[in-house]
Amino acid sequence: MTLRSRIVGTGSFLPEHISTNDDMAKIVETSDAWIVERTGIRVRHFADENTYTSTMAIKAAEEALKVAGMTGDDLDAIVLGTVTPDKTFPATAVYVQAALGMKHGCAFDVVAACSGFLYSLRAADNMIRLGQAKTVLVIGSEKVSKVTDFTDRNTCVLFGDGAGCVILKAGEGKGDVSDSGVLDTLIYSDGTYAPELCSTGGASTNHEVGFVSMNGREVFRHAAVNMADVSLEILEKNGISLSDVDWLVPHQANIRIIEATAKRLNVPMDRVICTVDQHANTSAASIPLALADGIKSGKLKKGQLLLLPGMGSGFTWGASLIRL
């Protein structure tokens, strides 16, 4: 018998305020045509001053619990990926824990930027495989607008706010790729590239939150390669061919990176879940938001095999294989 982490609920939340490309053109020198051509983004959601990273995470979690027919008391752990925490400490996850009425187990944050959900998924899956937890809430939640420099037209049009999550529950499997649940997750990092995508602030450096600083050309060059390479690696490791994969659900950085990754993998775009046009880059929230959107739309169905690659600041990157 093999323990598998099965997805029993998904949830998502997007703030009400929508900013179009025309709205962004009123702030910086840009245009709808320029943004769409280079990024594929058409709108993004921005949270107001009273909506925090925890607020969005709680909303997404409540939806997932409702889908799963559970309450917060049924959870053993909460793992939350974010680079925009409510406070420097404590972890944003503990605010979610309190709001859900969960008074036992553990709750902690994972900092891996756009790879944050994959890193969190790996941690949660390992807890279940080792028998340390039976039910784990895995969240990606970001208020990227609070670390966005709205005078920098190269970055401010790229990001949005939101939250997505999954509930993992332990279940028995045969131990092969026919099992339902998280089959495998690979994660990597290379800190030599940290300056290429980082925050300009930090508690132990300048006591500021800072803004997103990005070398777009360098990020693009590595993102498509790393996401494709780790995808091929996880498939080979598990004896799965690309033809067996039903859907690619990548990090929603921009459409060019998504298309470049799909091309390197020889996956047609009609087998790729794309939400970047409506959500922009929501960092750690982007993959679970795309996953939840795919399930709600009916594209993603039970029994299908999904490949989830992503890359973010660090550089960090990884991929997960999941059978719904």
C-alpha atoms as a PDB file:
ATOM      1  CA  MET A   1       0.000   0.000   0.000  1.00  0.00           C
ATOM      2  CA  THR A   2       1.245   3.476  -0.934  1.00  0.00           C
ATOM      3  CA  LEU A   3      -0.056   6.655   0.668  1.00  0.00           C
ATOM      4  CA  ARG A   4      -1.094   9.260  -1.884  1.00  0.00           C
ATOM      5  CA  SER A   5      -2.051  12.897  -1.425  1.00  0.00           C
ATOM      6  CA  ARG A   6      -5.382  13.191  -3.205  1.00  0.00           C
ATOM      7  CA  ILE A   7      -6.973  16.520  -4.091  1.00  0.00           C
ATOM      8  CA  VAL A   8     -10.408  16.599  -2.493  1.00  0.00           C
ATOM      9  CA  GLY A   9     -11.089  20.313  -2.826  1.00  0.00           C
ATOM     10  CA  THR A  10      -9.886  23.405  -4.664  1.00  0.00           C
ATOM     11  CA  GLY A  11     -10.609  27.057  -4.048  1.00  0.00           C
ATOM     12  CA  SER A  12      -9.743  30.470  -5.442  1.00  0.00           C
ATOM     13  CA  PHE A  13     -10.246  34.134  -4.731  1.00  0.00           C
ATOM     14  CA  LEU A  14      -9.688  37.266  -6.800  1.00  0.00           C
ATOM     15  CA  PRO A  15     -10.212  40.812  -5.507  1.00  0.00           C
ATOM     16  CA  GLU A  16     -13.154  42.712  -6.967  1.00  0.00           C
ATOM     17  CA  HIS A  17     -11.136  45.608  -8.384  1.00  0.00           C
ATOM     18  CA  ILE A  18     -10.034  44.953 -11.957  1.00  0.00           C
ATOM     19  CA  SER A  19      -7.371  47.047 -13.663  1.00  0.00           C
ATOM     20  CA  THR A  20      -7.367  46.934 -17.464  1.00  0.00           C
ATOM     21  CA  ASN A  21      -4.410  47.663 -19.698  1.00  0.00           C
ATOM     22  CA  ASP A  22      -6.014  50.997 -20.539  1.00  0.00           C
ATOM     23  CA  ASP A  23      -6.073  51.747 -16.819  1.00  0.00           C
ATOM     24  CA  MET A  24      -2.357  50.953 -16.606  1.00  0.00           C
ATOM     25  CA  ALA A  25      -1.707  53.270 -19.578  1.00  0.00           C
ATOM     26  CA  LYS A  26      -2.986  56.133 -17.424  1.00  0.00           C
ATOM     27  CA  ILE A  27      -0.256  55.403 -14.879  1.00  0.00           C
ATOM     28  CA  VAL A  28       2.800  54.667 -17.041  1.00  0.00           C
ATOM     29  CA  GLU A  29       3.751  55.039 -20.695  1.00  0.00           C
ATOM     30  CA  THR A  30       2.272  51.893 -22.221  1.00  0.00           C
ATOM     31  CA  SER A  31      -0.726  50.671 -24.202  1.00  0.00           C
ATOM     32  CA  ASP A  32      -3.141  47.773 -24.376  1.00  0.00           C
ATOM     33  CA  ALA A  33      -1.583  46.582 -27.657  1.00  0.00           C
ATOM     34  CA  TRP A  34       1.956  46.719 -26.223  1.00  0.00           C
ATOM     35  CA  ILE A  35       1.022  44.755 -23.077  1.00  0.00           C
ATOM     36  CA  VAL A  36      -1.052  42.127 -24.890  1.00  0.00           C
ATOM     37  CA  GLU A  37       1.610  41.524 -27.545  1.00  0.00           C
ATOM     38  CA  ARG A  38       4.445  41.072 -25.044  1.00  0.00           C
ATOM     39  CA  THR A  39       2.663  39.410 -22.129  1.00  0.00           C
ATOM     40  CA  GLY A  40      -0.815  38.230 -23.145  1.00  0.00           C
ATOM     41  CA  ILE A  41      -2.202  40.046 -20.102  1.00  0.00           C
ATOM     42  CA  ARG A  42      -5.457  41.970 -20.545  1.00  0.00           C
ATOM     43  CA  VAL A  43      -6.589  42.576 -16.954  1.00  0.00           C
ATOM     44  CA  ARG A  44      -5.336  42.016 -13.424  1.00  0.00           C
ATOM     45  CA  HIS A  45      -7.008  42.147 -10.008  1.00  0.00           C
ATOM     46  CA  PHE A  46      -5.763  44.477  -7.268  1.00  0.00           C
ATOM     47  CA  ALA A  47      -6.649  44.086  -3.597  1.00  0.00           C
ATOM     48  CA  ASP A  48      -7.748  47.157  -1.631  1.00  0.00           C
ATOM     49  CA  GLU A  49      -6.054  48.402   1.537  1.00  0.00           C
ATOM     50  CA  ASN A  50      -8.269  46.265   3.782  1.00  0.00           C
ATOM     51  CA  THR A  51      -7.698  43.035   1.856  1.00  0.00           C
ATOM     52  CA  TYR A  52      -4.545  41.247   2.931  1.00  0.00           C
ATOM     53  CA  THR A  53      -2.717  38.169   1.723  1.00  0.00           C
ATOM     54  CA  SER A  54      -4.370  36.280   4.599  1.00  0.00           C
ATOM     55  CA  THR A  55      -7.809  37.648   3.650  1.00  0.00           C
ATOM     56  CA  MET A  56      -7.532  36.212   0.145  1.00  0.00           C
ATOM     57  CA  ALA A  57      -6.078  32.936   1.417  1.00  0.00           C
ATOM     58  CA  ILE A  58      -8.963  32.538   3.874  1.00  0.00           C
ATOM     59  CA  LYS A  59     -11.566  33.151   1.148  1.00  0.00           C
ATOM     60  CA  ALA A  60      -9.958  30.559  -1.129  1.00  0.00           C
ATOM     61  CA  ALA A  61      -9.632  28.086   1.754  1.00  0.00           C
ATOM     62  CA  GLU A  62     -13.280  28.464   2.742  1.00  0.00           C
ATOM     63  CA  GLU A  63     -14.329  27.645  -0.805  1.00  0.00           C
ATOM     64  CA  ALA A  64     -12.078  24.568  -0.897  1.00  0.00           C
ATOM     65  CA  LEU A  65     -13.378  23.348   2.468  1.00  0.00           C
ATOM     66  CA  LYS A  66     -16.938  23.705   1.214  1.00  0.00           C
ATOM     67  CA  VAL A  67     -16.106  21.683  -1.911  1.00  0.00           C
ATOM     68  CA  ALA A  68     -14.458  18.998   0.236  1.00  0.00           C
ATOM     69  CA  GLY A  69     -17.298  18.956   2.762  1.00  0.00           C
ATOM     70  CA  MET A  70     -14.883  19.776   5.575  1.00  0.00           C
ATOM     71  CA  THR A  71     -14.263  22.355   8.281  1.00  0.00           C
ATOM     72  CA  GLY A  72     -11.020  23.842   9.496  1.00  0.00           C
ATOM     73  CA  ASP A  73     -11.034  21.368  12.347  1.00  0.00           C
ATOM     74  CA  ASP A  74     -10.523  18.549   9.812  1.00  0.00           C
ATOM     75  CA  LEU A  75      -7.137  19.937   8.770  1.00  0.00           C
ATOM     76  CA  ASP A  76      -3.841  18.723  10.215  1.00  0.00           C
ATOM     77  CA  ALA A  77      -1.630  21.357   8.613  1.00  0.00           C
ATOM     78  CA  ILE A  78      -1.619  24.497   6.488  1.00  0.00           C
ATOM     79  CA  VAL A  79       1.256  25.261   4.132  1.00  0.00           C
ATOM     80  CA  LEU A  80       1.091  28.696   2.519  1.00  0.00           C
ATOM     81  CA  GLY A  81       3.358  29.910  -0.278  1.00  0.00           C
ATOM     82  CA  THR A  82       3.816  33.687  -0.368  1.00  0.00           C
ATOM     83  CA  VAL A  83       6.393  36.464  -0.706  1.00  0.00           C
ATOM     84  CA  THR A  84       3.898  39.117   0.394  1.00  0.00           C
ATOM     85  CA  PRO A  85       3.065  38.132   3.987  1.00  0.00           C
ATOM     86  CA  ASP A  86       0.724  40.179   6.164  1.00  0.00           C
ATOM     87  CA  LYS A  87       3.634  40.861   8.506  1.00  0.00           C
ATOM     88  CA  THR A  88       7.312  39.969   8.680  1.00  0.00           C
ATOM     89  CA  PHE A  89       6.216  37.591  11.430  1.00  0.00           C
ATOM     90  CA  PRO A  90       4.269  35.563  12.384  1.00  0.00           C
ATOM     91  CA  ALA A  91       3.591  33.419   9.343  1.00  0.00           C
ATOM     92  CA  THR A  92       0.529  34.415   7.332  1.00  0.00           C
ATOM     93  CA  ALA A  93      -0.577  30.785   7.577  1.00  0.00           C
ATOM     94  CA  VAL A  94      -1.348  31.157  11.290  1.00  0.00           C
ATOM     95  CA  TYR A  95      -3.868  33.911  10.540  1.00  0.00           C
ATOM     96  CA  VAL A  96      -5.558  31.520   8.135  1.00  0.00           C
ATOM     97  CA  GLN A  97      -5.442  28.816  10.793  1.00  0.00           C
ATOM     98  CA  ALA A  98      -7.155  31.066  13.323  1.00  0.00           C
ATOM     99  CA  ALA A  99      -9.830  32.208  10.878  1.00  0.00           C
ATOM    100  CA  LEU A 100     -10.683  28.602   9.951  1.00  0.00           C
ATOM    101  CA  GLY A 101     -11.045  27.573  13.588  1.00  0.00           C
ATOM    102  CA  MET A 102      -8.143  25.126  13.459  1.00  0.00           C
ATOM    103  CA  LYS A 103      -6.538  24.942  16.914  1.00  0.00           C
ATOM    104  CA  HIS A 104      -4.280  21.932  16.423  1.00  0.00           C
ATOM    105  CA  GLY A 105      -1.594  20.802  13.996  1.00  0.00           C
ATOM    106  CA  CYS A 106       0.731  23.308  12.369  1.00  0.00           C
ATOM    107  CA  ALA A 107       0.656  26.233   9.951  1.00  0.00           C
ATOM    108  CA  PHE A 108       3.669  27.766   8.226  1.00  0.00           C
ATOM    109  CA  ASP A 109       4.747  29.826   5.221  1.00  0.00           C
ATOM    110  CA  VAL A 110       7.040  28.877   2.342  1.00  0.00           C
ATOM    111  CA  VAL A 111       9.024  31.569   0.513  1.00  0.00           C
ATOM    112  CA  ALA A 112       9.814  30.531  -3.063  1.00  0.00           C
ATOM    113  CA  ALA A 113       8.076  33.296  -5.040  1.00  0.00           C
ATOM    114  CA  CYS A 114       6.385  31.999  -8.210  1.00  0.00           C
ATOM    115  CA  SER A 115       7.452  28.447  -7.318  1.00  0.00           C
ATOM    116  CA  GLY A 116       5.897  28.824  -3.882  1.00  0.00           C
ATOM    117  CA  PHE A 117       2.893  26.621  -4.537  1.00  0.00           C
ATOM    118  CA  LEU A 118       5.072  23.784  -5.893  1.00  0.00           C
ATOM    119  CA  TYR A 119       7.409  24.021  -2.906  1.00  0.00           C
ATOM    120  CA  SER A 120       4.413  24.040  -0.556  1.00  0.00           C
ATOM    121  CA  LEU A 121       2.875  21.091  -2.380  1.00  0.00           C
ATOM    122  CA  ARG A 122       6.101  19.117  -2.009  1.00  0.00           C
ATOM    123  CA  ALA A 123       6.208  19.814   1.743  1.00  0.00           C
ATOM    124  CA  ALA A 124       2.555  18.872   2.226  1.00  0.00           C
ATOM    125  CA  ASP A 125       2.819  15.742   0.113  1.00  0.00           C
ATOM    126  CA  ASN A 126       5.852  14.566   2.068  1.00  0.00           C
ATOM    127  CA  MET A 127       3.996  15.062   5.355  1.00  0.00           C
ATOM    128  CA  ILE A 128       1.188  12.849   4.095  1.00  0.00           C
ATOM    129  CA  ARG A 129       3.519  10.205   2.635  1.00  0.00           C
ATOM    130  CA  LEU A 130       5.360   9.977   5.965  1.00  0.00           C
ATOM    131  CA  GLY A 131       2.126   9.656   7.903  1.00  0.00           C
ATOM    132  CA  GLN A 132       2.700  12.968   9.702  1.00  0.00           C
ATOM    133  CA  ALA A 133      -0.611  14.387   8.491  1.00  0.00           C
ATOM    134  CA  LYS A 134      -3.773  13.075   6.884  1.00  0.00           C
ATOM    135  CA  THR A 135      -5.290  16.304   5.548  1.00  0.00           C
ATOM    136  CA  VAL A 136      -3.307  19.378   4.491  1.00  0.00           C
ATOM    137  CA  LEU A 137      -4.411  22.718   3.069  1.00  0.00           C
ATOM    138  CA  VAL A 138      -1.916  24.028   0.499  1.00  0.00           C
ATOM    139  CA  ILE A 139      -2.275  27.678  -0.478  1.00  0.00           C
ATOM    140  CA  GLY A 140      -0.639  30.180  -2.800  1.00  0.00           C
ATOM    141  CA  SER A 141      -1.659  33.737  -1.898  1.00  0.00           C
ATOM    142  CA  GLU A 142      -0.100  37.019  -2.977  1.00  0.00           C
ATOM    143  CA  LYS A 143      -0.738  40.754  -2.750  1.00  0.00           C
ATOM    144  CA  VAL A 144       1.942  41.592  -5.297  1.00  0.00           C
ATOM    145  CA  SER A 145       0.503  45.078  -5.816  1.00  0.00           C
ATOM    146  CA  LYS A 146       2.057  46.074  -2.466  1.00  0.00           C
ATOM    147  CA  VAL A 147       5.575  45.353  -3.760  1.00  0.00           C
ATOM    148  CA  THR A 148       5.014  46.706  -7.269  1.00  0.00           C
ATOM    149  CA  ASP A 149       6.683  49.931  -8.395  1.00  0.00           C
ATOM    150  CA  PHE A 150       3.953  51.651 -10.386  1.00  0.00           C
ATOM    151  CA  THR A 151       6.491  53.991 -11.986  1.00  0.00           C
ATOM    152  CA  ASP A 152       8.285  51.062 -13.650  1.00  0.00           C
ATOM    153  CA  ARG A 153       6.384  50.185 -16.804  1.00  0.00           C
ATOM    154  CA  ASN A 154       8.487  47.056 -17.370  1.00  0.00           C
ATOM    155  CA  THR A 155       7.182  45.376 -14.223  1.00  0.00           C
ATOM    156  CA  CYS A 156       4.002  47.079 -13.003  1.00  0.00           C
ATOM    157  CA  VAL A 157       1.846  45.735 -15.856  1.00  0.00           C
ATOM    158  CA  LEU A 158       2.852  42.138 -15.152  1.00  0.00           C
ATOM    159  CA  PHE A 159       1.445  41.425 -11.714  1.00  0.00           C
ATOM    160  CA  GLY A 160      -1.862  40.928  -9.967  1.00  0.00           C
ATOM    161  CA  ASP A 161      -3.273  39.784  -6.627  1.00  0.00           C
ATOM    162  CA  GLY A 162      -5.162  36.627  -5.729  1.00  0.00           C
ATOM    163  CA  ALA A 163      -5.172  33.271  -3.960  1.00  0.00           C
ATOM    164  CA  GLY A 164      -5.672  29.638  -4.885  1.00  0.00           C
ATOM    165  CA  CYS A 165      -5.508  26.440  -2.880  1.00  0.00           C
ATOM    166  CA  VAL A 166      -5.995  22.703  -2.756  1.00  0.00           C
ATOM    167  CA  ILE A 167      -6.884  20.342   0.067  1.00  0.00           C
ATOM    168  CA  LEU A 168      -4.843  17.160   0.092  1.00  0.00           C
ATOM    169  CA  LYS A 169      -6.142  14.074   1.878  1.00  0.00           C
ATOM    170  CA  ALA A 170      -4.307  10.809   2.410  1.00  0.00           C
ATOM    171  CA  GLY A 171      -5.565   7.865   0.394  1.00  0.00           C
ATOM    172  CA  GLU A 172      -4.313   4.418  -0.512  1.00  0.00           C
ATOM    173  CA  GLY A 173      -2.778   3.766  -3.903  1.00  0.00           C
ATOM    174  CA  LYS A 174      -1.050   0.956  -5.772  1.00  0.00           C
ATOM    175  CA  GLY A 175       2.184   2.903  -5.997  1.00  0.00           C
ATOM    176  CA  ASP A 176       2.199   3.390  -9.751  1.00  0.00           C
ATOM    177  CA  VAL A 177       1.239   6.215 -12.120  1.00  0.00           C
ATOM    178  CA  SER A 178      -2.364   5.010 -12.356  1.00  0.00           C
ATOM    179  CA  ASP A 179      -2.943   6.265  -8.804  1.00  0.00           C
ATOM    180  CA  SER A 180      -4.992   9.381  -8.137  1.00  0.00           C
ATOM    181  CA  GLY A 181      -3.269  12.245  -6.345  1.00  0.00           C
ATOM    182  CA  VAL A 182       0.162  13.819  -6.297  1.00  0.00           C
ATOM    183  CA  LEU A 183       2.418  11.335  -8.073  1.00  0.00           C
ATOM    184  CA  ASP A 184       5.653  13.302  -7.731  1.00  0.00           C
ATOM    185  CA  THR A 185       7.041  16.814  -7.287  1.00  0.00           C
ATOM    186  CA  LEU A 186      10.554  18.010  -8.103  1.00  0.00           C
ATOM    187  CA  ILE A 187      11.924  21.323  -6.821  1.00  0.00           C
ATOM    188  CA  TYR A 188      15.225  23.099  -7.484  1.00  0.00           C
ATOM    189  CA  SER A 189      16.992  26.400  -6.868  1.00  0.00           C
ATOM    190  CA  ASP A 190      20.124  28.251  -7.970  1.00  0.00           C
ATOM    191  CA  GLY A 191      20.926  31.218  -5.767  1.00  0.00           C
ATOM    192  CA  THR A 192      23.536  32.630  -8.123  1.00  0.00           C
ATOM    193  CA  TYR A 193      20.632  34.124 -10.078  1.00  0.00           C
ATOM    194  CA  ALA A 194      18.975  35.749  -7.047  1.00  0.00           C
ATOM    195  CA  PRO A 195      19.868  39.321  -8.160  1.00  0.00           C
ATOM    196  CA  GLU A 196      18.013  38.849 -11.457  1.00  0.00           C
ATOM    197  CA  LEU A 197      14.604  38.728  -9.758  1.00  0.00           C
ATOM    198  CA  CYS A 198      14.310  39.984  -6.205  1.00  0.00           C
ATOM    199  CA  SER A 199      12.891  42.544  -3.812  1.00  0.00           C
ATOM    200  CA  THR A 200      14.780  45.782  -3.224  1.00  0.00           C
ATOM    201  CA  GLY A 201      13.989  45.619   0.489  1.00  0.00           C
ATOM    202  CA  GLY A 202      14.388  43.363   3.486  1.00  0.00           C
ATOM    203  CA  ALA A 203      14.113  43.340   7.281  1.00  0.00           C
ATOM    204  CA  SER A 204      17.818  42.656   7.892  1.00  0.00           C
ATOM    205  CA  THR A 205      19.132  44.935   5.130  1.00  0.00           C
ATOM    206  CA  ASN A 206      17.268  48.220   4.829  1.00  0.00           C
ATOM    207  CA  HIS A 207      14.163  47.603   6.974  1.00  0.00           C
ATOM    208  CA  GLU A 208      11.908  48.165   3.964  1.00  0.00           C
ATOM    209  CA  VAL A 209       9.452  45.953   2.094  1.00  0.00           C
ATOM    210  CA  GLY A 210      10.940  47.038  -1.227  1.00  0.00           C
ATOM    211  CA  PHE A 211       9.728  46.614  -4.788  1.00  0.00           C
ATOM    212  CA  VAL A 212      10.047  43.926  -7.443  1.00  0.00           C
ATOM    213  CA  SER A 213      13.338  44.227  -9.338  1.00  0.00           C
ATOM    214  CA  MET A 214      13.612  42.062 -12.441  1.00  0.00           C
ATOM    215  CA  ASN A 215      15.985  41.454 -15.318  1.00  0.00           C
ATOM    216  CA  GLY A 216      13.221  40.430 -17.706  1.00  0.00           C
ATOM    217  CA  ARG A 217      15.470  39.121 -20.464  1.00  0.00           C
ATOM    218  CA  GLU A 218      17.417  36.862 -18.090  1.00  0.00           C
ATOM    219  CA  VAL A 219      14.258  35.603 -16.388  1.00  0.00           C
ATOM    220  CA  PHE A 220      12.651  34.760 -19.730  1.00  0.00           C
ATOM    221  CA  ARG A 221      15.766  32.937 -20.936  1.00  0.00           C
ATOM    222  CA  HIS A 222      15.845  30.659 -17.908  1.00  0.00           C
ATOM    223  CA  ALA A 223      12.111  30.249 -17.315  1.00  0.00           C
ATOM    224  CA  ALA A 224      11.209  28.481 -20.550  1.00  0.00           C
ATOM    225  CA  VAL A 225      14.273  26.217 -20.373  1.00  0.00           C
ATOM    226  CA  ASN A 226      14.001  25.327 -16.692  1.00  0.00           C
ATOM    227  CA  MET A 227      10.253  24.699 -16.792  1.00  0.00           C
ATOM    228  CA  ALA A 228      10.582  22.450 -19.837  1.00  0.00           C
ATOM    229  CA  ASP A 229      13.636  20.606 -18.538  1.00  0.00           C
ATOM    230  CA  VAL A 230      12.150  19.822 -15.126  1.00  0.00           C
ATOM    231  CA  SER A 231       8.945  18.701 -16.845  1.00  0.00           C
ATOM    232  CA  LEU A 232      10.859  16.221 -18.979  1.00  0.00           C
ATOM    233  CA  GLU A 233      12.826  15.075 -15.938  1.00  0.00           C
ATOM    234  CA  ILE A 234       9.776  14.316 -13.811  1.00  0.00           C
ATOM    235  CA  LEU A 235       8.122  12.469 -16.711  1.00  0.00           C
ATOM    236  CA  GLU A 236      11.207  10.340 -17.337  1.00  0.00           C
ATOM    237  CA  LYS A 237      11.621   9.631 -13.624  1.00  0.00           C
ATOM    238  CA  ASN A 238       8.070   8.283 -13.462  1.00  0.00           C
ATOM    239  CA  GLY A 239       8.109   6.456 -16.798  1.00  0.00           C
ATOM    240  CA  ILE A 240       5.473   8.704 -18.338  1.00  0.00           C
ATOM    241  CA  SER A 241       5.459  10.048 -21.884  1.00  0.00           C
ATOM    242  CA  LEU A 242       4.198  13.499 -22.827  1.00  0.00           C
ATOM    243  CA  SER A 243       1.415  11.891 -24.811  1.00  0.00           C
ATOM    244  CA  ASP A 244       0.034  10.514 -21.530  1.00  0.00           C
ATOM    245  CA  VAL A 245      -0.302  14.014 -20.075  1.00  0.00           C
ATOM    246  CA  ASP A 246      -3.783  15.458 -20.527  1.00  0.00           C
ATOM    247  CA  TRP A 247      -3.070  19.036 -19.505  1.00  0.00           C
ATOM    248  CA  LEU A 248      -0.147  21.367 -18.912  1.00  0.00           C
ATOM    249  CA  VAL A 249      -0.951  23.763 -16.047  1.00  0.00           C
ATOM    250  CA  PRO A 250       2.071  26.079 -15.888  1.00  0.00           C
ATOM    251  CA  HIS A 251       2.952  29.115 -13.821  1.00  0.00           C
ATOM    252  CA  GLN A 252       1.182  32.050 -15.442  1.00  0.00           C
ATOM    253  CA  ALA A 253       4.101  34.470 -15.860  1.00  0.00           C
ATOM    254  CA  ASN A 254       3.286  35.699 -19.333  1.00  0.00           C
ATOM    255  CA  ILE A 255       2.011  34.140 -22.525  1.00  0.00           C
ATOM    256  CA  ARG A 256       5.425  34.167 -24.211  1.00  0.00           C
ATOM    257  CA  ILE A 257       6.986  32.035 -21.479  1.00  0.00           C
ATOM    258  CA  ILE A 258       3.985  29.701 -21.497  1.00  0.00           C
ATOM    259  CA  GLU A 259       4.151  29.328 -25.286  1.00  0.00           C
ATOM    260  CA  ALA A 260       7.924  28.825 -25.236  1.00  0.00           C
ATOM    261  CA  THR A 261       7.604  26.117 -22.575  1.00  0.00           C
ATOM    262  CA  ALA A 262       4.813  24.356 -24.475  1.00  0.00           C
ATOM    263  CA  LYS A 263       6.840  24.526 -27.694  1.00  0.00           C
ATOM    264  CA  ARG A 264       9.912  22.989 -26.062  1.00  0.00           C
ATOM    265  CA  LEU A 265       7.681  20.200 -24.758  1.00  0.00           C
ATOM    266  CA  ASN A 266       5.846  19.872 -28.077  1.00  0.00           C
ATOM    267  CA  VAL A 267       2.527  20.354 -26.298  1.00  0.00           C
ATOM    268  CA  PRO A 268      -0.175  22.124 -28.350  1.00  0.00           C
ATOM    269  CA  MET A 269      -1.637  25.238 -26.729  1.00  0.00           C
ATOM    270  CA  ASP A 270      -5.104  23.687 -26.711  1.00  0.00           C
ATOM    271  CA  ARG A 271      -3.764  21.334 -24.017  1.00  0.00           C
ATOM    272  CA  VAL A 272      -2.461  24.210 -21.865  1.00  0.00           C
ATOM    273  CA  ILE A 273      -4.484  25.931 -19.148  1.00  0.00           C
ATOM    274  CA  CYS A 274      -3.971  29.683 -19.586  1.00  0.00           C
ATOM    275  CA  THR A 275      -5.373  32.293 -17.198  1.00  0.00           C
ATOM    276  CA  VAL A 276      -2.642  34.920 -17.523  1.00  0.00           C
ATOM    277  CA  ASP A 277      -4.875  37.117 -19.692  1.00  0.00           C
ATOM    278  CA  GLN A 278      -7.363  37.520 -16.828  1.00  0.00           C
ATOM    279  CA  HIS A 279      -5.159  37.175 -13.740  1.00  0.00           C
ATOM    280  CA  ALA A 280      -1.696  38.405 -14.798  1.00  0.00           C
ATOM    281  CA  ASN A 281       1.230  37.013 -12.784  1.00  0.00           C
ATOM    282  CA  THR A 282       0.022  36.292  -9.256  1.00  0.00           C
ATOM    283  CA  SER A 283       3.300  34.650  -8.194  1.00  0.00           C
ATOM    284  CA  ALA A 284       2.686  31.680  -5.852  1.00  0.00           C
ATOM    285  CA  ALA A 285      -1.071  31.939  -6.464  1.00  0.00           C
ATOM    286  CA  SER A 286      -0.874  31.497 -10.233  1.00  0.00           C
ATOM    287  CA  ILE A 287      -0.729  27.696 -10.505  1.00  0.00           C
ATOM    288  CA  PRO A 288      -3.495  26.964  -7.963  1.00  0.00           C
ATOM    289  CA  LEU A 289      -5.625  29.723  -9.525  1.00  0.00           C
ATOM    290  CA  ALA A 290      -5.165  28.136 -12.959  1.00  0.00           C
ATOM    291  CA  LEU A 291      -5.907  24.710 -11.494  1.00  0.00           C
ATOM    292  CA  ALA A 292      -9.097  25.897  -9.814  1.00  0.00           C
ATOM    293  CA  ASP A 293     -10.153  27.737 -12.967  1.00  0.00           C
ATOM    294  CA  GLY A 294      -9.604  24.626 -15.089  1.00  0.00           C
ATOM    295  CA  ILE A 295     -11.710  22.518 -12.742  1.00  0.00           C
ATOM    296  CA  LYS A 296     -14.525  25.073 -12.538  1.00  0.00           C
ATOM    297  CA  SER A 297     -14.606  25.429 -16.338  1.00  0.00           C
ATOM    298  CA  GLY A 298     -14.903  21.663 -16.750  1.00  0.00           C
ATOM    299  CA  LYS A 299     -11.694  21.340 -18.741  1.00  0.00           C
ATOM    300  CA  LEU A 300      -9.933  19.419 -15.994  1.00  0.00           C
ATOM    301  CA  LYS A 301     -11.697  16.185 -15.115  1.00  0.00           C
ATOM    302  CA  LYS A 302     -11.278  13.341 -12.663  1.00  0.00           C
ATOM    303  CA  GLY A 303      -8.736  10.781 -13.814  1.00  0.00           C
ATOM    304  CA  GLN A 304      -6.781  13.185 -16.007  1.00  0.00           C
ATOM    305  CA  LEU A 305      -3.015  13.525 -15.681  1.00  0.00           C
ATOM    306  CA  LEU A 306      -1.720  17.058 -15.109  1.00  0.00           C
ATOM    307  CA  LEU A 307       1.803  18.471 -15.386  1.00  0.00           C
ATOM    308  CA  LEU A 308       2.426  21.628 -13.343  1.00  0.00           C
ATOM    309  CA  PRO A 309       5.758  23.404 -14.021  1.00  0.00           C
ATOM    310  CA  GLY A 310       6.836  26.746 -12.583  1.00  0.00           C
ATOM    311  CA  MET A 311       9.791  29.055 -11.998  1.00  0.00           C
ATOM    312  CA  GLY A 312      10.362  32.076  -9.793  1.00  0.00           C
ATOM    313  CA  SER A 313      12.775  34.249  -7.879  1.00  0.00           C
ATOM    314  CA  GLY A 314      15.771  32.521  -6.403  1.00  0.00           C
ATOM    315  CA  PHE A 315      15.940  31.245  -9.084  1.00  0.00           C
ATOM    316  CA  THR A 316      13.576  28.506  -7.942  1.00  0.00           C
ATOM    317  CA  TRP A 317      11.767  26.069 -10.186  1.00  0.00           C
ATOM    318  CA  GLY A 318      10.000  22.745 -10.184  1.00  0.00           C
ATOM    319  CA  ALA A 319       7.193  20.602 -11.511  1.00  0.00           C
ATOM    320  CA  SER A 320       4.486  18.363 -10.127  1.00  0.00           C
ATOM    321  CA  LEU A 321       2.640  15.411 -11.637  1.00  0.00           C
ATOM    322  CA  ILE A 322      -0.950  15.061 -10.423  1.00  0.00           C
ATOM    323  CA  ARG A 323      -3.740  12.731 -11.401  1.00  0.00           C
ATOM    324  CA  LEU A 324      -7.115  14.193 -10.490  1.00  0.00           C
END
